[in-house]
Amino acid sequence: MSQEVTPEAVDNLLPEVAELIVAALNLEVAAAEIEPDAPLFGEGLGLDSIDVLEIALVISKRYGFQLRSDSEDNVRIFSSLRTLASHIAAQRSK
């Protein structure tokens, strides 16, 4: 039984997830400067696969669920800060 994740729940989670990313990767950018819908890879934040592993580890410790490296959904989950926050919100509500 899956619960619906509200846009408000995702919006409330965005600053927290942005702060986690900045802290985990020691980025020289303020969490508030990360655009919620900008790509995390390539032209956006410019993250790579090693960065994703770091973020996944921090998320699993913080929120208590695993992000599997072999998941076909990873491209979607890590496509932007908003999609990542949405995935976290959905997993936390289970």
C-alpha atoms as a PDB file:
ATOM      1  CA  MET A   1       0.000   0.000   0.000  1.00  0.00           C
ATOM      2  CA  SER A   2       1.795   3.061  -1.276  1.00  0.00           C
ATOM      3  CA  GLN A   3       1.037   6.527   0.047  1.00  0.00           C
ATOM      4  CA  GLU A   4       0.725   9.556  -2.216  1.00  0.00           C
ATOM      5  CA  VAL A   5       3.575  12.027  -1.821  1.00  0.00           C
ATOM      6  CA  THR A   6       2.354  15.605  -1.863  1.00  0.00           C
ATOM      7  CA  PRO A   7       4.246  18.378  -3.670  1.00  0.00           C
ATOM      8  CA  GLU A   8       4.408  20.192  -0.322  1.00  0.00           C
ATOM      9  CA  ALA A   9       6.164  17.223   1.298  1.00  0.00           C
ATOM     10  CA  VAL A  10       8.740  17.217  -1.510  1.00  0.00           C
ATOM     11  CA  ASP A  11       9.193  21.010  -1.327  1.00  0.00           C
ATOM     12  CA  ASN A  12       9.754  20.769   2.435  1.00  0.00           C
ATOM     13  CA  LEU A  13      12.413  18.111   1.904  1.00  0.00           C
ATOM     14  CA  LEU A  14      14.355  19.979  -0.819  1.00  0.00           C
ATOM     15  CA  PRO A  15      16.531  22.155   1.490  1.00  0.00           C
ATOM     16  CA  GLU A  16      17.401  19.171   3.695  1.00  0.00           C
ATOM     17  CA  VAL A  17      18.413  16.985   0.733  1.00  0.00           C
ATOM     18  CA  ALA A  18      20.370  19.845  -0.863  1.00  0.00           C
ATOM     19  CA  GLU A  19      22.254  20.315   2.411  1.00  0.00           C
ATOM     20  CA  LEU A  20      23.011  16.566   2.550  1.00  0.00           C
ATOM     21  CA  ILE A  21      24.433  16.657  -0.985  1.00  0.00           C
ATOM     22  CA  VAL A  22      26.600  19.706  -0.266  1.00  0.00           C
ATOM     23  CA  ALA A  23      27.903  18.210   2.994  1.00  0.00           C
ATOM     24  CA  ALA A  24      28.483  14.702   1.607  1.00  0.00           C
ATOM     25  CA  LEU A  25      30.432  15.956  -1.415  1.00  0.00           C
ATOM     26  CA  ASN A  26      32.087  18.988   0.190  1.00  0.00           C
ATOM     27  CA  LEU A  27      30.709  21.150  -2.611  1.00  0.00           C
ATOM     28  CA  GLU A  28      31.692  24.782  -2.837  1.00  0.00           C
ATOM     29  CA  VAL A  29      28.120  25.830  -3.477  1.00  0.00           C
ATOM     30  CA  ALA A  30      25.418  26.827  -1.000  1.00  0.00           C
ATOM     31  CA  ALA A  31      22.588  24.321  -0.676  1.00  0.00           C
ATOM     32  CA  ALA A  32      20.096  27.103  -1.442  1.00  0.00           C
ATOM     33  CA  GLU A  33      21.828  27.678  -4.809  1.00  0.00           C
ATOM     34  CA  ILE A  34      20.983  24.194  -6.076  1.00  0.00           C
ATOM     35  CA  GLU A  35      18.061  24.546  -8.459  1.00  0.00           C
ATOM     36  CA  PRO A  36      15.416  21.907  -7.625  1.00  0.00           C
ATOM     37  CA  ASP A  37      14.813  21.002 -11.274  1.00  0.00           C
ATOM     38  CA  ALA A  38      18.345  21.434 -12.650  1.00  0.00           C
ATOM     39  CA  PRO A  39      20.216  18.274 -13.634  1.00  0.00           C
ATOM     40  CA  LEU A  40      22.522  16.866 -10.973  1.00  0.00           C
ATOM     41  CA  PHE A  41      24.824  15.449 -13.670  1.00  0.00           C
ATOM     42  CA  GLY A  42      26.575  17.078 -16.605  1.00  0.00           C
ATOM     43  CA  GLU A  43      25.576  20.695 -17.076  1.00  0.00           C
ATOM     44  CA  GLY A  44      23.825  20.947 -13.707  1.00  0.00           C
ATOM     45  CA  LEU A  45      25.921  20.254 -10.618  1.00  0.00           C
ATOM     46  CA  GLY A  46      28.318  18.174 -12.693  1.00  0.00           C
ATOM     47  CA  LEU A  47      28.161  15.106 -10.477  1.00  0.00           C
ATOM     48  CA  ASP A  48      29.559  11.732 -11.543  1.00  0.00           C
ATOM     49  CA  SER A  49      28.921   8.106 -10.600  1.00  0.00           C
ATOM     50  CA  ILE A  50      31.244   8.261  -7.575  1.00  0.00           C
ATOM     51  CA  ASP A  51      29.259  11.237  -6.280  1.00  0.00           C
ATOM     52  CA  VAL A  52      26.049   9.215  -6.624  1.00  0.00           C
ATOM     53  CA  LEU A  53      27.549   6.448  -4.479  1.00  0.00           C
ATOM     54  CA  GLU A  54      28.460   9.010  -1.796  1.00  0.00           C
ATOM     55  CA  ILE A  55      24.970  10.531  -1.880  1.00  0.00           C
ATOM     56  CA  ALA A  56      23.305   7.093  -1.774  1.00  0.00           C
ATOM     57  CA  LEU A  57      25.359   6.154   1.299  1.00  0.00           C
ATOM     58  CA  VAL A  58      24.425   9.342   3.151  1.00  0.00           C
ATOM     59  CA  ILE A  59      20.751   8.949   2.229  1.00  0.00           C
ATOM     60  CA  SER A  60      20.649   5.343   3.408  1.00  0.00           C
ATOM     61  CA  LYS A  61      22.190   6.331   6.759  1.00  0.00           C
ATOM     62  CA  ARG A  62      19.923   9.341   7.202  1.00  0.00           C
ATOM     63  CA  TYR A  63      16.604   7.934   5.999  1.00  0.00           C
ATOM     64  CA  GLY A  64      16.998   4.212   6.622  1.00  0.00           C
ATOM     65  CA  PHE A  65      16.473   2.732   3.152  1.00  0.00           C
ATOM     66  CA  GLN A  66      18.837   1.469   0.465  1.00  0.00           C
ATOM     67  CA  LEU A  67      19.399   3.017  -2.930  1.00  0.00           C
ATOM     68  CA  ARG A  68      20.674   0.110  -4.978  1.00  0.00           C
ATOM     69  CA  SER A  69      23.473   0.755  -7.451  1.00  0.00           C
ATOM     70  CA  ASP A  70      21.951  -1.689  -9.936  1.00  0.00           C
ATOM     71  CA  SER A  71      18.501  -0.080  -9.917  1.00  0.00           C
ATOM     72  CA  GLU A  72      17.167   0.876 -13.330  1.00  0.00           C
ATOM     73  CA  ASP A  73      15.426   3.838 -11.660  1.00  0.00           C
ATOM     74  CA  ASN A  74      18.675   5.568 -10.621  1.00  0.00           C
ATOM     75  CA  VAL A  75      18.843   7.703 -13.754  1.00  0.00           C
ATOM     76  CA  ARG A  76      15.369   9.040 -12.937  1.00  0.00           C
ATOM     77  CA  ILE A  77      15.896   9.231  -9.163  1.00  0.00           C
ATOM     78  CA  PHE A  78      19.135  11.213  -9.481  1.00  0.00           C
ATOM     79  CA  SER A  79      18.057  13.363 -12.434  1.00  0.00           C
ATOM     80  CA  SER A  80      17.396  16.417 -10.223  1.00  0.00           C
ATOM     81  CA  LEU A  81      17.190  17.506  -6.618  1.00  0.00           C
ATOM     82  CA  ARG A  82      13.373  17.424  -6.864  1.00  0.00           C
ATOM     83  CA  THR A  83      13.249  13.829  -8.172  1.00  0.00           C
ATOM     84  CA  LEU A  84      15.660  12.702  -5.465  1.00  0.00           C
ATOM     85  CA  ALA A  85      13.636  14.438  -2.733  1.00  0.00           C
ATOM     86  CA  SER A  86      10.455  12.938  -4.162  1.00  0.00           C
ATOM     87  CA  HIS A  87      11.945   9.443  -4.053  1.00  0.00           C
ATOM     88  CA  ILE A  88      13.080   9.963  -0.450  1.00  0.00           C
ATOM     89  CA  ALA A  89       9.641  11.227   0.560  1.00  0.00           C
ATOM     90  CA  ALA A  90       7.996   8.189  -1.055  1.00  0.00           C
ATOM     91  CA  GLN A  91      10.362   5.733   0.623  1.00  0.00           C
ATOM     92  CA  ARG A  92      10.029   7.359   4.043  1.00  0.00           C
ATOM     93  CA  SER A  93       6.240   7.142   3.919  1.00  0.00           C
ATOM     94  CA  LYS A  94       6.217   3.351   3.475  1.00  0.00           C
END
